[in-house]
Amino acid sequence: MKKICATVSGRVIECTISEGDQIGPGDEVLKIESMKMEIPVESEVHGSVARILVQEGENVEEGQPIVELI
C-alpha cells in the first residue's frame, strides 16, 4: 500500500479528495496551514484513495502518513 505523507507540520485546513478517488502525480490531496501560510500537499504517485488518515482541523507532523493509496 502506498502512502502520502505530510510535507510540513501544521493544521489540516482542507481535504480536496475523497475515498475512492483516482489521483496521480501533482494532484492536490489537502492543504496544511503552517506559519500562517496555506501549503498544498500533492501526490507523487498514481493510485486510488483507500483511506484518508486525517481530518480537517487536525494537527499533523512533517512525515506523518495522511493518505493511503491502493
N, C-alpha and C. Protein backbone atom coordinates (compact mmCIF):
# COMPACT_ATOMS: atom_id res chain seq x y z
N MET A 1 0.85 -1.18 0.00
CA MET A 1 0.00 0.00 0.00
C MET A 1 0.89 1.25 0.00
N LYS A 2 0.59 2.19 -0.88
CA LYS A 2 1.33 3.45 -0.96
C LYS A 2 0.76 4.45 0.02
N LYS A 3 1.62 5.35 0.52
CA LYS A 3 1.17 6.39 1.45
C LYS A 3 1.65 7.75 0.99
N ILE A 4 0.83 8.75 1.26
CA ILE A 4 1.23 10.15 1.07
C ILE A 4 1.43 10.71 2.47
N CYS A 5 2.55 11.42 2.66
CA CYS A 5 2.88 11.94 3.97
C CYS A 5 2.85 13.47 3.97
N ALA A 6 2.63 14.04 5.14
CA ALA A 6 2.63 15.50 5.30
C ALA A 6 4.03 16.03 4.98
N THR A 7 4.08 17.12 4.24
CA THR A 7 5.36 17.72 3.86
C THR A 7 5.84 18.73 4.88
N VAL A 8 4.94 19.20 5.74
CA VAL A 8 5.27 20.16 6.80
C VAL A 8 4.40 19.85 8.02
N SER A 9 4.80 20.38 9.16
CA SER A 9 3.96 20.30 10.36
C SER A 9 2.96 21.45 10.32
N GLY A 10 1.75 21.20 10.78
CA GLY A 10 0.74 22.26 10.80
C GLY A 10 -0.64 21.68 11.02
N ARG A 11 -1.66 22.46 10.62
CA ARG A 11 -3.06 22.07 10.81
C ARG A 11 -3.71 21.85 9.44
N VAL A 12 -4.40 20.72 9.30
CA VAL A 12 -5.11 20.43 8.05
C VAL A 12 -6.29 21.40 7.95
N ILE A 13 -6.33 22.18 6.85
CA ILE A 13 -7.41 23.15 6.71
C ILE A 13 -8.41 22.77 5.61
N GLU A 14 -7.99 21.90 4.69
CA GLU A 14 -8.92 21.48 3.63
C GLU A 14 -8.46 20.17 3.03
N CYS A 15 -9.38 19.23 2.92
CA CYS A 15 -9.12 17.97 2.25
C CYS A 15 -9.82 18.04 0.89
N THR A 16 -9.05 17.87 -0.19
CA THR A 16 -9.60 18.06 -1.53
C THR A 16 -9.88 16.75 -2.26
N ILE A 17 -9.76 15.62 -1.56
CA ILE A 17 -10.05 14.31 -2.16
C ILE A 17 -11.04 13.57 -1.29
N SER A 18 -11.56 12.47 -1.84
CA SER A 18 -12.46 11.58 -1.10
C SER A 18 -11.99 10.15 -1.28
N GLU A 19 -12.36 9.28 -0.37
CA GLU A 19 -12.02 7.87 -0.52
C GLU A 19 -12.63 7.35 -1.81
N GLY A 20 -11.86 6.59 -2.56
CA GLY A 20 -12.30 6.05 -3.84
C GLY A 20 -11.85 6.86 -5.03
N ASP A 21 -11.40 8.12 -4.81
CA ASP A 21 -10.93 8.97 -5.92
C ASP A 21 -9.66 8.38 -6.54
N GLN A 22 -9.52 8.56 -7.85
CA GLN A 22 -8.29 8.21 -8.56
C GLN A 22 -7.43 9.48 -8.61
N ILE A 23 -6.17 9.38 -8.19
CA ILE A 23 -5.28 10.54 -8.22
C ILE A 23 -3.96 10.17 -8.88
N GLY A 24 -3.23 11.19 -9.28
CA GLY A 24 -1.94 10.98 -9.92
C GLY A 24 -0.94 12.02 -9.46
N PRO A 25 0.28 11.92 -9.97
CA PRO A 25 1.32 12.87 -9.59
C PRO A 25 0.88 14.31 -9.85
N GLY A 26 1.09 15.17 -8.85
CA GLY A 26 0.74 16.58 -8.98
C GLY A 26 -0.66 16.92 -8.52
N ASP A 27 -1.50 15.91 -8.27
CA ASP A 27 -2.86 16.18 -7.78
C ASP A 27 -2.81 16.58 -6.31
N GLU A 28 -3.49 17.67 -5.98
CA GLU A 28 -3.55 18.14 -4.59
C GLU A 28 -4.46 17.24 -3.78
N VAL A 29 -3.99 16.81 -2.60
CA VAL A 29 -4.82 15.96 -1.74
C VAL A 29 -5.37 16.73 -0.55
N LEU A 30 -4.60 17.68 -0.03
CA LEU A 30 -5.09 18.53 1.05
C LEU A 30 -4.20 19.75 1.21
N LYS A 31 -4.65 20.68 2.07
CA LYS A 31 -3.88 21.88 2.38
C LYS A 31 -3.59 21.90 3.87
N ILE A 32 -2.37 22.29 4.19
CA ILE A 32 -1.94 22.41 5.58
C ILE A 32 -1.60 23.87 5.84
N GLU A 33 -2.08 24.39 6.97
CA GLU A 33 -1.71 25.74 7.38
C GLU A 33 -0.50 25.62 8.31
N SER A 34 0.57 26.29 7.91
CA SER A 34 1.79 26.27 8.70
C SER A 34 2.40 27.66 8.67
N MET A 35 2.64 28.24 9.83
CA MET A 35 3.22 29.58 9.93
C MET A 35 2.40 30.61 9.13
N LYS A 36 1.08 30.50 9.24
CA LYS A 36 0.12 31.41 8.59
C LYS A 36 0.14 31.32 7.06
N MET A 37 0.67 30.23 6.52
CA MET A 37 0.68 30.02 5.06
C MET A 37 -0.11 28.75 4.76
N GLU A 38 -0.81 28.74 3.62
CA GLU A 38 -1.50 27.55 3.15
C GLU A 38 -0.57 26.78 2.22
N ILE A 39 -0.25 25.55 2.60
CA ILE A 39 0.69 24.75 1.83
C ILE A 39 -0.04 23.54 1.27
N PRO A 40 -0.13 23.43 -0.07
CA PRO A 40 -0.79 22.25 -0.65
C PRO A 40 0.12 21.02 -0.56
N VAL A 41 -0.49 19.87 -0.30
CA VAL A 41 0.23 18.60 -0.32
C VAL A 41 -0.25 17.87 -1.57
N GLU A 42 0.71 17.48 -2.42
CA GLU A 42 0.37 16.83 -3.69
C GLU A 42 0.83 15.39 -3.69
N SER A 43 0.12 14.57 -4.45
CA SER A 43 0.50 13.18 -4.62
C SER A 43 1.74 13.11 -5.53
N GLU A 44 2.58 12.13 -5.27
CA GLU A 44 3.73 11.88 -6.15
C GLU A 44 3.54 10.62 -6.98
N VAL A 45 2.43 9.90 -6.73
CA VAL A 45 2.19 8.62 -7.40
C VAL A 45 0.74 8.51 -7.86
N HIS A 46 0.48 7.55 -8.75
CA HIS A 46 -0.88 7.21 -9.18
C HIS A 46 -1.48 6.23 -8.19
N GLY A 47 -2.80 6.31 -8.00
CA GLY A 47 -3.47 5.32 -7.16
C GLY A 47 -4.90 5.71 -6.88
N SER A 48 -5.56 4.82 -6.17
CA SER A 48 -6.93 5.04 -5.72
C SER A 48 -6.88 5.30 -4.22
N VAL A 49 -7.60 6.32 -3.77
CA VAL A 49 -7.58 6.68 -2.35
C VAL A 49 -8.31 5.60 -1.55
N ALA A 50 -7.56 4.86 -0.73
CA ALA A 50 -8.15 3.80 0.09
C ALA A 50 -8.65 4.36 1.40
N ARG A 51 -7.87 5.26 2.01
CA ARG A 51 -8.24 5.80 3.31
C ARG A 51 -7.57 7.14 3.54
N ILE A 52 -8.33 8.08 4.05
CA ILE A 52 -7.79 9.38 4.47
C ILE A 52 -7.56 9.28 5.97
N LEU A 53 -6.32 9.49 6.40
CA LEU A 53 -5.93 9.23 7.78
C LEU A 53 -6.06 10.44 8.70
N VAL A 54 -6.40 11.60 8.16
CA VAL A 54 -6.53 12.82 8.97
C VAL A 54 -7.84 13.52 8.63
N GLN A 55 -8.24 14.44 9.50
CA GLN A 55 -9.47 15.21 9.28
C GLN A 55 -9.13 16.69 9.30
N GLU A 56 -10.01 17.49 8.69
CA GLU A 56 -9.84 18.93 8.73
C GLU A 56 -9.81 19.39 10.19
N GLY A 57 -8.89 20.30 10.49
CA GLY A 57 -8.74 20.82 11.85
C GLY A 57 -7.71 20.05 12.67
N GLU A 58 -7.28 18.90 12.18
CA GLU A 58 -6.32 18.07 12.91
C GLU A 58 -4.90 18.57 12.69
N ASN A 59 -4.08 18.52 13.73
CA ASN A 59 -2.67 18.87 13.61
C ASN A 59 -1.90 17.66 13.12
N VAL A 60 -0.92 17.90 12.22
CA VAL A 60 -0.08 16.83 11.69
C VAL A 60 1.38 17.23 11.83
N GLU A 61 2.24 16.22 11.84
CA GLU A 61 3.68 16.43 11.90
C GLU A 61 4.29 16.11 10.53
N GLU A 62 5.38 16.79 10.20
CA GLU A 62 6.07 16.51 8.94
C GLU A 62 6.44 15.03 8.88
N GLY A 63 6.14 14.39 7.76
CA GLY A 63 6.43 12.97 7.57
C GLY A 63 5.34 12.03 8.01
N GLN A 64 4.30 12.56 8.66
CA GLN A 64 3.18 11.74 9.13
C GLN A 64 2.36 11.25 7.95
N PRO A 65 2.04 9.94 7.86
CA PRO A 65 1.17 9.46 6.79
C PRO A 65 -0.22 10.12 6.91
N ILE A 66 -0.73 10.62 5.76
CA ILE A 66 -2.03 11.30 5.78
C ILE A 66 -3.05 10.64 4.85
N VAL A 67 -2.57 9.90 3.83
CA VAL A 67 -3.47 9.23 2.88
C VAL A 67 -2.86 7.89 2.50
N GLU A 68 -3.70 6.85 2.42
CA GLU A 68 -3.26 5.54 1.92
C GLU A 68 -3.87 5.33 0.54
N LEU A 69 -3.05 4.83 -0.38
CA LEU A 69 -3.47 4.55 -1.76
C LEU A 69 -3.34 3.08 -2.06
N ILE A 70 -4.21 2.60 -2.96
CA ILE A 70 -4.06 1.23 -3.47
C ILE A 70 -3.91 1.30 -4.97
